[in-house]
């Protein structure tokens, strides 16, 4: 009779404040089924959406209890039947997990597991998944951004923001970024933004319009729509688009602003990506890793037992500075 291995993992038994994230020392290590991979987790990215899910305010709620986390990086421990792309001992990162990533081990479907190049460490690997796949979906699959266009990354210093800056620059776009601190502005500039603006400064939107010669921007990648959407509509060029990546509430807009520019507002949800879209995105991101322009900027790192503090800080901190990561 085999004795199941135990691991440390964060478990959520009720929806609520960050304090519902509880570290358990006695969670059974999951076993990989067919087409699944068991990963010894070394780092896991923390994404804003995980805080919405934990609070119970998100549209899709997991069954309780559950372990949060989708973006892990680590080493393959074992593979299930039918897995051929990776083997035990391979360094990998994921774009989703079956069992949750805030844990010492995680199971993921094999089509969500990708090899991690030696040039990137595990904390960088944990910063790829949701941020880079979301940025690609917004820019390419939704906005159909073209080389030579101007993009505004509204919130350019967080995980998705840095990814969007690097990707936009690689796609040949003129990249404008905003951040809430001087450090965040510098981070945007060092990751591909041609110009950076402080979105806490009075009149920053006028400076953005001025930087476009009064024309406006073609695409906006928006991280905080409930604050910025009305202003975004006024910043667009004719036919421009706002891609909504994040929102923490409601906002009033004047629909006439869309009529004045024949502009559009487009929601972005990685959940709806098709297998073909995921493959296309992965191929471009691998090219970026090989070429060297895909370099995740890792921000604050927290040990697994500080997951609640990581959830507090990702929402409450005054300005993002890279990707928040849990380390095991």
Protein backbone atom coordinates (compact mmCIF):
# COMPACT_ATOMS: atom_id res chain seq x y z
CA UNK A 1 0.00 0.00 0.00
CA UNK A 2 1.53 3.33 -1.08
CA UNK A 3 1.71 6.15 1.43
CA UNK A 4 0.66 9.44 -0.15
CA UNK A 5 3.19 12.27 0.11
CA UNK A 6 2.16 15.43 1.92
CA UNK A 7 2.98 19.02 1.00
CA UNK A 8 2.47 22.57 2.20
CA UNK A 9 -0.23 24.44 0.30
CA UNK A 10 -2.51 27.44 0.68
CA UNK A 11 -6.15 26.40 1.07
CA UNK A 12 -9.23 28.63 0.84
CA UNK A 13 -12.28 27.27 2.67
CA UNK A 14 -14.47 30.38 2.44
CA UNK A 15 -14.55 33.48 0.24
CA UNK A 16 -13.45 36.71 1.86
CA UNK A 17 -10.50 38.93 2.84
CA UNK A 18 -6.85 37.90 2.29
CA UNK A 19 -6.91 36.24 5.74
CA UNK A 20 -8.92 33.32 4.28
CA UNK A 21 -5.67 32.18 2.60
CA UNK A 22 -4.51 29.53 5.10
CA UNK A 23 -1.25 27.59 4.93
CA UNK A 24 -1.81 23.85 5.49
CA UNK A 25 1.15 21.53 6.13
CA UNK A 26 -0.68 18.27 5.43
CA UNK A 27 -2.18 18.48 1.93
CA UNK A 28 -1.73 15.29 -0.14
CA UNK A 29 0.54 15.75 -3.18
CA UNK A 30 -1.74 15.45 -6.26
CA UNK A 31 -1.12 12.68 -8.78
CA UNK A 32 -0.96 13.32 -12.53
CA UNK A 33 -3.65 11.68 -14.62
CA UNK A 34 -3.50 11.07 -18.40
CA UNK A 35 -2.04 14.08 -20.28
CA UNK A 36 -1.14 15.75 -16.96
CA UNK A 37 2.18 16.82 -15.45
CA UNK A 38 3.17 16.92 -11.76
CA UNK A 39 5.49 19.86 -11.05
CA UNK A 40 7.67 20.52 -8.00
CA UNK A 41 6.85 24.21 -7.67
CA UNK A 42 9.70 26.65 -7.07
CA UNK A 43 7.74 29.88 -7.63
CA UNK A 44 4.17 30.95 -8.39
CA UNK A 45 3.01 34.29 -9.78
CA UNK A 46 0.29 36.25 -7.99
CA UNK A 47 -2.32 37.83 -10.29
CA UNK A 48 -5.01 40.40 -9.43
CA UNK A 49 -7.73 38.04 -10.70
CA UNK A 50 -6.82 35.61 -7.92
CA UNK A 51 -7.77 38.26 -5.36
CA UNK A 52 -11.16 38.78 -7.04
CA UNK A 53 -11.81 35.02 -7.04
CA UNK A 54 -10.76 34.72 -3.38
CA UNK A 55 -13.09 37.58 -2.37
CA UNK A 56 -16.07 35.87 -4.03
CA UNK A 57 -16.68 38.84 -6.34
CA UNK A 58 -15.58 37.13 -9.56
CA UNK A 59 -18.07 35.73 -12.09
CA UNK A 60 -16.59 32.21 -11.93
CA UNK A 61 -16.21 30.74 -8.45
CA UNK A 62 -14.22 27.55 -7.75
CA UNK A 63 -15.65 24.85 -5.51
CA UNK A 64 -14.48 25.18 -1.90
CA UNK A 65 -11.97 24.38 -0.57
CA UNK A 66 -9.43 25.22 -3.27
CA UNK A 67 -5.80 26.27 -3.79
CA UNK A 68 -5.30 29.44 -5.87
CA UNK A 69 -2.63 30.00 -8.50
CA UNK A 70 -2.10 29.29 -12.19
CA UNK A 71 1.38 30.57 -13.09
CA UNK A 72 3.93 28.18 -11.59
CA UNK A 73 7.54 27.52 -12.49
CA UNK A 74 9.49 24.53 -11.31
CA UNK A 75 10.77 21.09 -12.20
CA UNK A 76 8.75 18.19 -13.63
CA UNK A 77 8.39 15.53 -10.91
CA UNK A 78 6.32 13.00 -12.88
CA UNK A 79 4.16 12.78 -16.00
CA UNK A 80 0.90 10.99 -16.69
CA UNK A 81 0.08 8.68 -19.56
CA UNK A 82 0.35 10.23 -23.03
CA UNK A 83 2.66 13.13 -22.09
CA UNK A 84 5.51 13.46 -24.59
CA UNK A 85 6.50 17.15 -24.66
CA UNK A 86 8.17 17.18 -21.22
CA UNK A 87 9.78 14.60 -18.92
CA UNK A 88 10.84 14.32 -15.26
CA UNK A 89 13.64 16.77 -14.49
CA UNK A 90 12.67 19.39 -17.10
CA UNK A 91 12.46 23.05 -16.02
CA UNK A 92 8.97 24.30 -16.92
CA UNK A 93 6.40 27.07 -16.47
CA UNK A 94 2.60 26.88 -16.74
CA UNK A 95 -0.27 29.02 -17.99
CA UNK A 96 -2.82 27.19 -15.82
CA UNK A 97 -2.96 24.42 -13.21
CA UNK A 98 -5.55 21.82 -12.27
CA UNK A 99 -4.72 21.67 -8.55
CA UNK A 100 -3.59 25.24 -7.77
CA UNK A 101 -0.14 26.81 -7.75
CA UNK A 102 0.18 28.22 -4.21
CA UNK A 103 1.66 24.88 -3.17
CA UNK A 104 4.87 22.84 -3.16
CA UNK A 105 3.52 20.60 -5.94
CA UNK A 106 0.96 21.27 -8.66
CA UNK A 107 -0.66 19.26 -11.45
CA UNK A 108 -1.22 20.90 -14.82
CA UNK A 109 -2.63 19.73 -18.17
CA UNK A 110 0.23 19.03 -20.58
CA UNK A 111 -0.92 21.70 -23.06
CA UNK A 112 -0.52 24.32 -20.31
CA UNK A 113 3.09 23.28 -19.53
CA UNK A 114 6.00 24.86 -21.41
CA UNK A 115 9.76 24.42 -21.14
CA UNK A 116 11.54 27.23 -19.30
CA UNK A 117 14.75 28.35 -21.02
CA UNK A 118 17.90 28.24 -18.88
CA UNK A 119 18.33 32.01 -19.33
CA UNK A 120 15.27 32.65 -17.11
CA UNK A 121 15.14 31.76 -13.41
CA UNK A 122 12.10 30.25 -11.68
CA UNK A 123 10.74 33.58 -10.40
CA UNK A 124 10.84 34.93 -13.97
CA UNK A 125 9.16 31.72 -15.18
CA UNK A 126 6.35 32.33 -12.69
CA UNK A 127 5.84 35.81 -14.18
CA UNK A 128 5.15 34.65 -17.77
CA UNK A 129 1.79 32.82 -17.82
CA UNK A 130 -1.20 35.11 -17.35
CA UNK A 131 0.68 38.43 -17.94
CA UNK A 132 2.24 37.62 -21.32
CA UNK A 133 -0.64 35.53 -22.69
CA UNK A 134 -3.09 38.28 -21.65
CA UNK A 135 -0.96 41.03 -23.21
CA UNK A 136 -0.73 39.05 -26.46
CA UNK A 137 -4.48 38.39 -26.52
CA UNK A 138 -5.25 42.08 -25.99
CA UNK A 139 -2.79 43.44 -28.54
CA UNK A 140 -2.96 40.80 -31.28
CA UNK A 141 -6.17 38.79 -31.04
CA UNK A 142 -8.46 41.62 -29.90
CA UNK A 143 -6.97 44.98 -30.97
CA UNK A 144 -5.18 43.57 -34.08
CA UNK A 145 -2.42 46.13 -33.40
CA UNK A 146 -0.15 46.83 -36.37
CA UNK A 147 3.45 48.01 -36.55
CA UNK A 148 3.61 51.81 -36.64
CA UNK A 149 0.49 52.33 -34.50
CA UNK A 150 0.62 53.99 -31.10
CA UNK A 151 -0.36 52.05 -27.98
CA UNK A 152 -0.95 53.37 -24.47
CA UNK A 153 -0.29 50.86 -21.68
CA UNK A 154 -2.40 52.35 -18.88
CA UNK A 155 -0.64 50.77 -15.89
CA UNK A 156 2.69 49.76 -17.43
CA UNK A 157 4.69 48.77 -14.35
CA UNK A 158 2.81 45.67 -13.16
CA UNK A 159 3.02 42.11 -14.51
CA UNK A 160 0.71 42.57 -17.51
CA UNK A 161 1.95 46.12 -18.06
CA UNK A 162 5.61 45.15 -18.39
CA UNK A 163 4.63 42.23 -20.65
CA UNK A 164 2.55 44.58 -22.83
CA UNK A 165 5.45 47.06 -23.09
CA UNK A 166 7.93 44.38 -24.21
CA UNK A 167 5.45 42.79 -26.62
CA UNK A 168 4.32 46.13 -28.11
CA UNK A 169 7.91 47.17 -28.75
CA UNK A 170 8.68 43.80 -30.38
CA UNK A 171 5.60 44.22 -32.62
CA UNK A 172 6.88 47.60 -33.88
CA UNK A 173 4.40 49.82 -32.05
CA UNK A 174 5.09 53.26 -30.59
CA UNK A 175 4.72 52.57 -26.88
CA UNK A 176 3.44 55.05 -24.27
CA UNK A 177 3.21 53.81 -20.68
CA UNK A 178 1.82 55.14 -17.41
CA UNK A 179 2.73 54.33 -13.82
CA UNK A 180 2.00 55.78 -10.39
CA UNK A 181 5.58 56.25 -9.17
CA UNK A 182 8.90 57.44 -10.65
CA UNK A 183 10.25 53.89 -10.16
CA UNK A 184 7.31 52.47 -12.10
CA UNK A 185 7.85 54.97 -14.92
CA UNK A 186 11.51 53.97 -15.14
CA UNK A 187 10.51 50.29 -15.19
CA UNK A 188 8.18 50.97 -18.14
CA UNK A 189 10.93 52.85 -20.01
CA UNK A 190 13.50 50.11 -19.41
CA UNK A 191 11.05 47.48 -20.73
CA UNK A 192 10.13 49.03 -24.07
CA UNK A 193 8.09 52.18 -23.51
CA UNK A 194 9.26 55.11 -25.63
CA UNK A 195 7.65 57.59 -23.21
CA UNK A 196 6.29 57.26 -19.67
CA UNK A 197 3.76 59.40 -17.78
CA UNK A 198 2.75 59.54 -14.11
CA UNK A 199 -0.98 58.82 -13.93
CA UNK A 200 -1.15 60.41 -10.47
CA UNK A 201 -0.14 63.81 -11.88
CA UNK A 202 -2.76 66.42 -12.73
CA UNK A 203 -2.99 66.92 -16.49
CA UNK A 204 -1.07 63.76 -17.48
CA UNK A 205 -3.72 62.92 -20.11
CA UNK A 206 -3.05 66.25 -21.86
CA UNK A 207 0.65 65.34 -22.01
CA UNK A 208 -0.24 62.01 -23.68
CA UNK A 209 -2.40 63.78 -26.29
CA UNK A 210 0.45 66.26 -26.86
CA UNK A 211 2.91 63.38 -27.34
CA UNK A 212 0.74 62.09 -30.20
CA UNK A 213 0.66 65.51 -31.87
CA UNK A 214 -3.01 65.81 -30.92
CA UNK A 215 -3.97 62.72 -32.94
CA UNK A 216 -4.58 60.36 -30.01
CA UNK A 217 -3.59 56.72 -29.53
CA UNK A 218 -4.72 53.76 -31.62
CA UNK A 219 -4.91 51.16 -28.84
CA UNK A 220 -5.18 51.41 -25.06
CA UNK A 221 -4.37 48.42 -22.84
CA UNK A 222 -6.34 49.30 -19.69
CA UNK A 223 -5.61 47.74 -16.28
CA UNK A 224 -8.00 49.81 -14.13
CA UNK A 225 -11.08 50.54 -16.23
CA UNK A 226 -13.29 51.62 -13.33
CA UNK A 227 -10.99 54.64 -12.86
CA UNK A 228 -9.72 55.36 -16.38
CA UNK A 229 -12.27 54.31 -19.02
CA UNK A 230 -13.97 57.68 -19.48
CA UNK A 231 -10.59 59.40 -19.87
CA UNK A 232 -9.40 56.61 -22.20
CA UNK A 233 -12.21 57.31 -24.68
CA UNK A 234 -11.03 60.89 -24.97
CA UNK A 235 -7.41 59.82 -25.53
CA UNK A 236 -8.19 57.62 -28.54
CA UNK A 237 -7.49 58.44 -32.17
CA UNK A 238 -10.26 58.00 -34.74
CA UNK A 239 -11.22 54.30 -34.86
CA UNK A 240 -9.19 53.59 -31.73
CA UNK A 241 -9.83 50.78 -29.28
CA UNK A 242 -9.66 50.29 -25.53
CA UNK A 243 -8.90 46.72 -24.45
CA UNK A 244 -10.18 46.13 -20.92
CA UNK A 245 -7.77 43.92 -18.95
CA UNK A 246 -8.81 44.84 -15.42
CA UNK A 247 -11.61 46.55 -13.52
CA UNK A 248 -12.40 46.78 -9.83
CA UNK A 249 -15.87 48.30 -10.02
CA UNK A 250 -18.22 50.34 -12.18
CA UNK A 251 -17.75 53.67 -13.95
CA UNK A 252 -19.97 56.16 -15.78
CA UNK A 253 -19.01 56.97 -19.38
CA UNK A 254 -20.54 59.20 -22.01
CA UNK A 255 -21.38 57.00 -25.04
CA UNK A 256 -21.02 60.10 -27.25
CA UNK A 257 -17.26 59.81 -26.71
CA UNK A 258 -17.33 56.56 -28.72
CA UNK A 259 -19.43 58.20 -31.45
CA UNK A 260 -17.02 61.14 -31.75
CA UNK A 261 -14.16 58.79 -32.70
CA UNK A 262 -16.12 55.72 -33.89
CA UNK A 263 -14.09 53.97 -31.22
CA UNK A 264 -14.69 50.67 -29.47
CA UNK A 265 -14.31 49.12 -26.03
CA UNK A 266 -13.23 45.46 -26.04
CA UNK A 267 -13.16 43.12 -23.06
CA UNK A 268 -10.27 40.66 -22.78
CA UNK A 269 -10.54 37.32 -20.96
CA UNK A 270 -7.79 34.74 -21.33
CA UNK A 271 -10.31 32.05 -20.33
CA UNK A 272 -11.82 32.14 -23.84
CA UNK A 273 -8.55 31.51 -25.73
CA UNK A 274 -8.80 28.62 -28.19
CA UNK A 275 -6.07 25.94 -28.33
CA UNK A 276 -4.93 27.45 -31.66
CA UNK A 277 -4.65 30.94 -30.12
CA UNK A 278 -2.66 29.55 -27.18
CA UNK A 279 -0.24 27.77 -29.54
CA UNK A 280 0.25 30.91 -31.63
CA UNK A 281 0.93 32.99 -28.52
CA UNK A 282 3.34 30.41 -27.08
CA UNK A 283 5.29 30.32 -30.37
CA UNK A 284 5.77 34.10 -30.35
CA UNK A 285 6.72 34.16 -26.66
CA UNK A 286 9.34 31.43 -27.21
CA UNK A 287 10.78 33.51 -30.03
CA UNK A 288 10.92 36.42 -27.58
CA UNK A 289 12.76 34.33 -25.00
CA UNK A 290 15.28 33.21 -27.63
CA UNK A 291 15.76 36.72 -28.98
CA UNK A 292 16.07 38.14 -25.46
CA UNK A 293 13.28 40.74 -25.49
CA UNK A 294 10.99 38.66 -23.26
CA UNK A 295 12.45 39.36 -19.81
CA UNK A 296 9.86 39.23 -17.02
CA UNK A 297 10.43 41.95 -14.42
CA UNK A 298 10.03 40.31 -11.02
CA UNK A 299 8.93 42.62 -8.20
CA UNK A 300 8.31 41.78 -4.55
CA UNK A 301 8.84 38.13 -3.57
CA UNK A 302 7.02 36.49 -0.65
CA UNK A 303 7.42 33.05 0.95
CA UNK A 304 4.36 30.79 0.62
CA UNK A 305 3.24 31.49 4.20
CA UNK A 306 2.94 35.22 3.35
CA UNK A 307 0.38 34.67 0.56
CA UNK A 308 -2.22 36.78 2.41
CA UNK A 309 0.20 39.73 2.53
CA UNK A 310 0.92 39.30 -1.20
CA UNK A 311 -2.85 39.47 -1.89
CA UNK A 312 -3.16 42.61 0.23
CA UNK A 313 -0.18 44.31 -1.38
CA UNK A 314 -1.08 43.59 -5.03
CA UNK A 315 -4.33 45.55 -4.56
CA UNK A 316 -3.34 48.16 -1.95
CA UNK A 317 0.25 49.09 -2.85
CA UNK A 318 0.62 52.67 -4.17
CA UNK A 319 2.35 51.64 -7.41
CA UNK A 320 3.26 48.36 -9.06
CA UNK A 321 6.92 47.58 -9.70
CA UNK A 322 7.13 44.25 -11.49
CA UNK A 323 5.42 40.93 -10.90
CA UNK A 324 4.59 39.75 -7.39
CA UNK A 325 5.77 36.16 -6.89
CA UNK A 326 5.45 33.52 -4.14
CA UNK A 327 8.55 31.37 -3.60
CA UNK A 328 8.63 27.83 -2.22
